[in-house]
Structures are given as structure tokens and as C-alpha cells.
Amino acid sequence: MDATTLYSIGELARRTGLSVRTIRFYSDSGVVAPTTRSPAGYRLYDLDALLRLELLRTLRELGMDLATIQRVLDRELSVAEVAAAHADAMDVQIRVLQLRRSVLRAAAGYGSDPEEIKHVYRLTQLSEQERRRLIDDFVEGTFGTADAAPAAVAMVRAATPDLPDDPSSEQVAAWVELAELVGDEDFRARMRRTARYQATGRALDIESEVGEELMEFTRQKVADAMESGIDPLGDVGAPVVDDLVHRFAEVFARTPDAEFRDWMAQRFEEAHDPRVDRYWRLVWIVNGWQVVPNLIPVYPWLIRALRNDRAAA
């Protein structure tokens, strides 16, 4: 094969893998014009035409439009310029597709309600600025008072949830739950109450009253239960809670009944409200931060167990 070799349209089709009909279309469009014609009027193509067709096919398979390819073949644009532009466009398309996939997987966990799917999608479609405004409104609405603790505000702002461009389905689900949570007035009140303790590291009154020895024992017992995967609402966890309730009741000279369990739960909720701890866990997930097991609060498990015991009594 050399520069003087001429190929029929059928030979080009065999060499390039393109159909005769497609090559004829490109030829009629002027993208790859025939070099000459045979005495019988059949189109003939030279080596340059063959190379143009091979490049054209490659660029089409990469998703480039015919008009852009024509400019590349005519050397009005370089392959590098076009490839860079298309790579950037594909990055955007990939992010959109990944987001849609994540939304669909998250929506599958919410059930088949069309309104739920639309709700999930709308929340994830918020721009970065809109998502930040949502959290800013939450911070202002929760701590925008004269008596707000600066340390609490700083703690919340330092851990602003930021949904990435290509979130996982878990991050999408966490963001949706988080967006609903920050708009709840009851949650905001809980956040105001607990953030002051969490930001300053101030000990709960009940911790000071029972002493460090019992508190350390309590934290260890609950941490062991959590590590073992014991459900705070299940039967296996009941003996753990019963033992702790009796120990606390002895210190306070109280009867270890449902009323006392409720009282204990309220005291621990001052700094470790389950919904507030849920907020922080969701922030970790949305931001893609590693959840460090020994930093997971143990009191929410205890509070849930106490509430469950009270309801069963």
C-alpha cells in the first residue's frame, strides 16, 4: 500500500469497518470526498482519504459531532484542543449521571412514592450556594440569639455539610435526611440545648452527681454493648440497662422504676439528644469523613434503651 493506491468504496468499508452506506454519506457531506472516479463513474479514494476515515470513525466513537470532526480534518482545530474540550464535557455528563444514579438508589430506599423521588431529586439539585444558604439559615435560626454560645456556633460552622459533585447513594440519602432535619423547629431547639455542652466539653449534672467511677463503668458497659452490636431496643440489651438503672437509683436513693428511667433519659439528653447525634453522623457521611468508632457517643444508645424500657413498663 502506498500513496498512489486507490481504493473503491467497498475496499474502504472492509479496511475501516464502516458500512458502504456510511462512507457514501460522509463522501456526499464533503467530509471525506473521493479522490477521483473510475472510467465507469465509481468513486475512488487514496491513502489520505483512508486515514481521514479512520480518524473520523475514532472521533465519532468518542462522541464528537460531525461539524467538529470536519474542522479537525481540515486542520482548523487540533485533535488535542477538541479532545480536551470533549473530556471536560464528558466530566460534566459523568457527574450528572452519577448523581442521577445515586438519587435513584437513594429513592429506592424511600419507597415507590413519585413525590418522594421528586423531593429527593430537588434537594440534590440545589446548587452549592443554595445548599450553603440552607445550612446558614439553620445556624442563624438556631443560634441567632444574644445568648448563643460562640463556641457552639463555631463548632457547627466548622462542620458544614458539603455534598460532593459525585455523591454516593449513601451521601445522597444522608443529605436528604439532613436537609429535612435542619428545617425542623423541634430539632433546632434540641440543637440549641445540646450544642452548648458539646462545644465546651462541660460535664452533665448527672455525671458530676454520680461520680467518675460510675460514669466510667457506664460508658464502658454501653460501649461494649455497642461494639457487640446489641440493639438498645432488644431483649439482649435489657440486662445491661437494668443493671445501670439500679446502680444509678442506689446513688440517688430512688426507686428504679419507669419514672426514674425517664428522669435518667432526660438528664442524659441535655447533651446527647439522639436527633442531634444523628445530625453529626449525617454530616460525617455527607462530607465523606471517616467515622471513628471510639468517638461515637455512647449516651444515645443508653437513652434509647431507657426510653424503650419506659414504654414497655
Protein backbone atom coordinates (compact mmCIF):
# COMPACT_ATOMS: atom_id res chain seq x y z
CA MET A 1 0.00 0.00 0.00
CA ASP A 2 1.37 3.45 -0.97
CA ALA A 3 0.24 6.99 -1.60
CA THR A 4 -0.70 6.17 -5.21
CA THR A 5 -3.00 3.28 -4.34
CA LEU A 6 -6.69 3.97 -4.95
CA TYR A 7 -9.49 2.18 -3.11
CA SER A 8 -13.04 1.52 -4.08
CA ILE A 9 -15.77 2.35 -1.57
CA GLY A 10 -16.14 -1.37 -0.87
CA GLU A 11 -12.42 -1.70 -0.07
CA LEU A 12 -12.63 1.31 2.27
CA ALA A 13 -15.54 -0.33 4.05
CA ARG A 14 -13.52 -3.52 4.59
CA ARG A 15 -10.47 -1.61 5.86
CA THR A 16 -12.28 0.82 8.17
CA GLY A 17 -15.17 -1.30 9.40
CA LEU A 18 -17.62 1.37 8.24
CA SER A 19 -20.56 0.46 6.03
CA VAL A 20 -20.63 1.43 2.37
CA ARG A 21 -23.74 3.49 3.10
CA THR A 22 -21.97 5.42 5.88
CA ILE A 23 -18.90 6.13 3.74
CA ARG A 24 -21.16 7.32 0.93
CA PHE A 25 -22.87 9.66 3.40
CA TYR A 26 -19.54 11.10 4.55
CA SER A 27 -18.49 11.45 0.93
CA ASP A 28 -21.69 13.26 -0.06
CA SER A 29 -21.30 15.54 3.00
CA GLY A 30 -17.82 16.53 1.84
CA VAL A 31 -16.13 15.23 4.98
CA VAL A 32 -14.17 12.62 3.03
CA ALA A 33 -14.51 13.40 -0.63
CA PRO A 34 -13.46 10.87 -3.31
CA THR A 35 -10.06 11.44 -4.82
CA THR A 36 -11.26 10.63 -8.31
CA ARG A 37 -13.66 8.37 -10.17
CA SER A 38 -13.13 5.29 -12.29
CA PRO A 39 -13.95 5.32 -16.04
CA ALA A 40 -17.25 3.71 -15.06
CA GLY A 41 -18.01 6.54 -12.63
CA TYR A 42 -17.28 4.71 -9.37
CA ARG A 43 -15.72 6.66 -6.51
CA LEU A 44 -12.07 6.01 -5.73
CA TYR A 45 -10.19 7.09 -2.60
CA ASP A 46 -6.49 7.50 -1.87
CA LEU A 47 -4.46 6.78 1.29
CA ASP A 48 -5.21 10.23 2.75
CA ALA A 49 -8.94 9.55 2.45
CA LEU A 50 -8.47 6.19 4.18
CA LEU A 51 -6.61 7.84 7.07
CA ARG A 52 -9.25 10.58 7.33
CA LEU A 53 -11.98 7.95 7.55
CA GLU A 54 -10.12 6.02 10.26
CA LEU A 55 -9.68 9.22 12.30
CA LEU A 56 -13.30 10.19 11.67
CA ARG A 57 -14.52 6.85 12.96
CA THR A 58 -12.37 7.13 16.10
CA LEU A 59 -13.61 10.65 16.86
CA ARG A 60 -17.24 9.69 16.25
CA GLU A 61 -16.90 6.77 18.66
CA LEU A 62 -15.59 9.26 21.24
CA GLY A 63 -18.83 11.22 20.84
CA MET A 64 -17.69 14.16 18.72
CA ASP A 65 -20.15 15.77 16.33
CA LEU A 66 -19.57 15.73 12.59
CA ALA A 67 -19.14 19.51 12.26
CA THR A 68 -16.30 19.50 14.81
CA ILE A 69 -14.69 16.49 13.14
CA GLN A 70 -14.81 18.33 9.82
CA ARG A 71 -12.82 21.21 11.39
CA VAL A 72 -10.28 18.75 12.78
CA LEU A 73 -9.85 17.04 9.41
CA ASP A 74 -9.47 20.44 7.76
CA ARG A 75 -6.85 21.34 10.41
CA GLU A 76 -8.89 24.27 11.71
CA LEU A 77 -8.78 22.64 15.15
CA SER A 78 -6.19 20.31 16.64
CA VAL A 79 -7.16 16.90 17.98
CA ALA A 80 -5.69 17.93 21.34
CA GLU A 81 -7.95 21.00 21.59
CA VAL A 82 -11.06 19.06 20.69
CA ALA A 83 -10.16 16.14 22.94
CA ALA A 84 -9.65 18.46 25.92
CA ALA A 85 -12.99 20.19 25.34
CA HIS A 86 -14.83 16.90 24.98
CA ALA A 87 -13.13 15.44 28.03
CA ASP A 88 -14.38 18.40 30.09
CA ALA A 89 -17.89 17.97 28.69
CA MET A 90 -17.81 14.27 29.48
CA ASP A 91 -16.72 15.03 33.06
CA VAL A 92 -19.90 17.07 33.48
CA GLN A 93 -22.02 14.32 31.92
CA ILE A 94 -20.41 11.72 34.15
CA ARG A 95 -21.13 13.78 37.27
CA VAL A 96 -24.75 14.23 36.18
CA LEU A 97 -25.15 10.52 35.52
CA GLN A 98 -23.51 9.60 38.82
CA LEU A 99 -25.83 11.97 40.66
CA ARG A 100 -28.88 10.53 38.90
CA ARG A 101 -27.73 7.01 39.75
CA SER A 102 -27.22 7.97 43.39
CA VAL A 103 -30.62 9.70 43.53
CA LEU A 104 -32.34 6.64 42.08
CA ARG A 105 -30.65 4.33 44.57
CA ALA A 106 -31.49 6.66 47.43
CA ALA A 107 -35.07 6.99 46.20
CA ALA A 108 -35.36 3.20 46.09
CA GLY A 109 -34.80 3.24 49.83
CA TYR A 110 -37.64 5.70 50.31
CA GLY A 111 -40.22 3.56 48.54
CA SER A 112 -42.10 3.96 45.28
CA ASP A 113 -43.89 7.25 46.02
CA PRO A 114 -43.26 9.54 43.00
CA GLU A 115 -43.42 12.61 45.26
CA GLU A 116 -40.60 11.20 47.39
CA ILE A 117 -38.43 10.71 44.31
CA LYS A 118 -39.10 14.27 43.13
CA HIS A 119 -38.37 15.57 46.63
CA VAL A 120 -35.05 13.72 46.79
CA TYR A 121 -34.07 14.94 43.33
CA ARG A 122 -34.97 18.57 44.06
CA LEU A 123 -32.85 18.59 47.21
CA THR A 124 -29.83 17.18 45.41
CA GLN A 125 -30.26 19.64 42.52
CA LEU A 126 -29.66 22.61 44.81
CA SER A 127 -26.52 24.47 43.86
CA GLU A 128 -23.57 24.60 46.26
CA GLN A 129 -24.58 28.17 47.15
CA GLU A 130 -28.18 27.13 47.82
CA ARG A 131 -27.07 24.21 49.97
CA ARG A 132 -24.79 26.50 51.97
CA ARG A 133 -27.64 29.00 52.39
CA LEU A 134 -29.82 26.20 53.74
CA ILE A 135 -27.25 25.46 56.44
CA ASP A 136 -26.62 29.17 57.10
CA ASP A 137 -30.36 29.66 57.67
CA PHE A 138 -30.30 26.73 60.07
CA VAL A 139 -27.35 28.14 62.03
CA GLU A 140 -28.89 31.62 62.15
CA GLY A 141 -32.31 30.28 63.12
CA THR A 142 -30.81 28.04 65.80
CA PHE A 143 -28.12 30.25 67.29
CA GLY A 144 -29.05 33.75 66.16
CA THR A 145 -29.82 34.99 69.63
CA ALA A 146 -27.92 37.18 72.05
CA ASP A 147 -27.28 34.29 74.44
CA ALA A 148 -25.95 31.93 71.77
CA ALA A 149 -22.65 30.30 72.72
CA PRO A 150 -19.94 31.39 70.23
CA ALA A 151 -18.18 28.05 70.67
CA ALA A 152 -21.36 26.20 69.67
CA VAL A 153 -21.82 28.33 66.55
CA ALA A 154 -18.18 27.85 65.59
CA MET A 155 -18.47 24.09 66.07
CA VAL A 156 -21.47 23.83 63.75
CA ARG A 157 -19.97 26.11 61.09
CA ALA A 158 -16.67 24.23 61.14
CA ALA A 159 -18.51 21.06 60.17
CA THR A 160 -20.73 22.43 57.40
CA PRO A 161 -22.10 19.54 55.32
CA ASP A 162 -20.91 19.78 51.71
CA LEU A 163 -22.39 17.34 49.20
CA PRO A 164 -19.71 16.41 46.62
CA ASP A 165 -20.28 16.65 42.86
CA ASP A 166 -20.36 12.86 42.51
CA PRO A 167 -22.01 11.67 45.74
CA SER A 168 -22.63 8.06 46.61
CA SER A 169 -26.20 6.88 47.20
CA GLU A 170 -25.41 6.89 50.93
CA GLN A 171 -24.32 10.53 50.76
CA VAL A 172 -27.45 11.50 48.81
CA ALA A 173 -29.69 9.78 51.36
CA ALA A 174 -27.78 11.44 54.21
CA TRP A 175 -28.06 14.88 52.60
CA VAL A 176 -31.83 14.50 52.07
CA GLU A 177 -32.32 13.46 55.69
CA LEU A 178 -30.07 16.28 56.86
CA ALA A 179 -31.93 18.89 54.78
CA GLU A 180 -35.23 17.80 56.32
CA LEU A 181 -33.74 17.72 59.81
CA VAL A 182 -32.36 21.28 59.83
CA GLY A 183 -35.76 22.69 58.89
CA ASP A 184 -37.48 21.10 61.89
CA GLU A 185 -38.12 23.56 64.73
CA ASP A 186 -38.13 20.84 67.37
CA PHE A 187 -34.71 19.71 66.20
CA ARG A 188 -33.39 23.29 66.30
CA ALA A 189 -34.48 23.58 69.92
CA ARG A 190 -32.71 20.31 70.74
CA MET A 191 -29.60 21.52 68.94
CA ARG A 192 -29.53 24.75 70.93
CA ARG A 193 -29.78 22.82 74.18
CA THR A 194 -27.11 20.24 73.48
CA ALA A 195 -24.58 22.25 71.45
CA ARG A 196 -23.57 24.33 74.46
CA TYR A 197 -22.48 21.18 76.31
CA GLN A 198 -20.79 19.60 73.27
CA ALA A 199 -18.87 22.72 72.26
CA THR A 200 -17.49 23.49 75.72
CA GLY A 201 -17.00 19.93 76.96
CA ARG A 202 -18.97 20.84 80.07
CA ALA A 203 -19.93 17.82 82.20
CA LEU A 204 -23.58 16.98 82.71
CA ASP A 205 -25.00 17.49 86.17
CA ILE A 206 -25.85 13.80 86.41
CA GLU A 207 -22.24 12.91 85.61
CA SER A 208 -20.95 15.11 88.42
CA GLU A 209 -23.56 13.86 90.87
CA VAL A 210 -22.91 10.12 90.45
CA GLY A 211 -19.13 10.43 90.26
CA GLU A 212 -16.49 9.49 87.72
CA GLU A 213 -16.26 5.84 88.81
CA LEU A 214 -19.88 5.02 87.99
CA MET A 215 -19.78 7.13 84.83
CA GLU A 216 -16.68 5.34 83.56
CA PHE A 217 -18.35 2.00 84.34
CA THR A 218 -21.46 3.14 82.45
CA ARG A 219 -19.55 4.32 79.41
CA GLN A 220 -17.59 1.06 79.26
CA LYS A 221 -20.67 -1.16 79.58
CA VAL A 222 -22.56 0.75 76.89
CA ALA A 223 -19.50 0.89 74.61
CA ASP A 224 -19.13 -2.90 74.93
CA ALA A 225 -22.80 -3.35 74.06
CA MET A 226 -22.46 -1.09 71.03
CA GLU A 227 -19.31 -2.86 69.85
CA SER A 228 -21.12 -6.19 70.17
CA GLY A 229 -23.94 -4.84 68.01
CA ILE A 230 -26.55 -5.18 70.76
CA ASP A 231 -29.80 -3.41 69.88
CA PRO A 232 -30.77 -0.94 72.64
CA LEU A 233 -34.41 -1.82 71.96
CA GLY A 234 -33.88 -5.58 72.08
CA ASP A 235 -34.08 -8.16 74.84
CA VAL A 236 -30.32 -8.77 74.91
CA GLY A 237 -29.63 -5.20 75.98
CA ALA A 238 -32.24 -5.22 78.77
CA PRO A 239 -29.96 -6.75 81.48
CA VAL A 240 -27.27 -4.13 80.75
CA VAL A 241 -29.74 -1.29 81.18
CA ASP A 242 -31.41 -2.86 84.22
CA ASP A 243 -28.06 -3.11 85.99
CA LEU A 244 -27.17 0.52 85.23
CA VAL A 245 -30.58 1.79 86.31
CA HIS A 246 -30.26 0.01 89.66
CA ARG A 247 -26.77 1.43 90.22
CA PHE A 248 -27.93 4.99 89.49
CA ALA A 249 -31.08 4.55 91.59
CA GLU A 250 -28.95 3.47 94.54
CA VAL A 251 -26.83 6.63 94.28
CA PHE A 252 -29.89 8.89 94.13
CA ALA A 253 -31.90 6.86 96.66
CA ARG A 254 -34.67 6.43 94.11
CA THR A 255 -36.84 3.50 93.04
CA PRO A 256 -35.55 2.03 89.71
CA ASP A 257 -38.97 2.25 88.06
CA ALA A 258 -40.25 3.69 84.76
CA GLU A 259 -40.37 7.20 86.20
CA PHE A 260 -36.73 7.03 87.25
CA ARG A 261 -35.72 5.67 83.83
CA ASP A 262 -37.47 8.61 82.21
CA TRP A 263 -35.70 11.00 84.56
CA MET A 264 -32.31 9.46 83.69
CA ALA A 265 -33.04 9.73 79.97
CA GLN A 266 -33.93 13.41 80.31
CA ARG A 267 -30.73 14.18 82.19
CA PHE A 268 -28.53 12.48 79.59
CA GLU A 269 -30.46 14.11 76.74
CA GLU A 270 -29.25 17.53 77.87
CA ALA A 271 -26.03 16.99 75.94
CA HIS A 272 -26.63 13.85 73.92
CA ASP A 273 -30.00 14.10 72.24
CA PRO A 274 -30.33 11.19 69.75
CA ARG A 275 -31.54 13.52 66.96
CA VAL A 276 -28.57 15.84 67.46
CA ASP A 277 -26.14 12.94 67.42
CA ARG A 278 -27.90 11.77 64.27
CA TYR A 279 -27.19 15.19 62.73
CA TRP A 280 -23.46 14.82 63.37
CA ARG A 281 -23.41 11.30 61.93
CA LEU A 282 -25.16 12.57 58.79
CA VAL A 283 -22.60 15.38 58.47
CA TRP A 284 -19.80 12.80 58.61
CA ILE A 285 -21.46 10.77 55.85
CA VAL A 286 -22.19 13.73 53.56
CA ASN A 287 -18.65 15.08 53.89
CA GLY A 288 -17.12 11.66 53.39
CA TRP A 289 -15.36 11.78 56.73
CA GLN A 290 -14.24 8.57 58.37
CA VAL A 291 -16.37 7.60 61.33
CA VAL A 292 -14.00 6.91 64.21
CA PRO A 293 -15.68 4.25 66.41
CA ASN A 294 -14.28 5.49 69.72
CA LEU A 295 -15.66 8.97 69.04
CA ILE A 296 -19.24 7.77 68.60
CA PRO A 297 -21.21 8.91 71.67
CA VAL A 298 -22.45 6.12 73.93
CA TYR A 299 -25.25 8.07 75.59
CA PRO A 300 -27.71 7.94 72.66
CA TRP A 301 -27.69 4.13 72.94
CA LEU A 302 -28.42 4.40 76.66
CA ILE A 303 -31.15 6.99 76.13
CA ARG A 304 -32.90 4.83 73.54
CA ALA A 305 -32.69 1.83 75.85
CA LEU A 306 -34.12 3.83 78.76
CA ARG A 307 -36.98 5.16 76.64
CA ASN A 308 -37.76 1.69 75.37
CA ASP A 309 -37.85 0.29 78.92
CA ARG A 310 -40.17 3.08 79.97
CA ALA A 311 -42.55 2.37 77.11
CA ALA A 312 -42.59 -1.32 77.90
CA ALA A 313 -43.25 -0.80 81.60
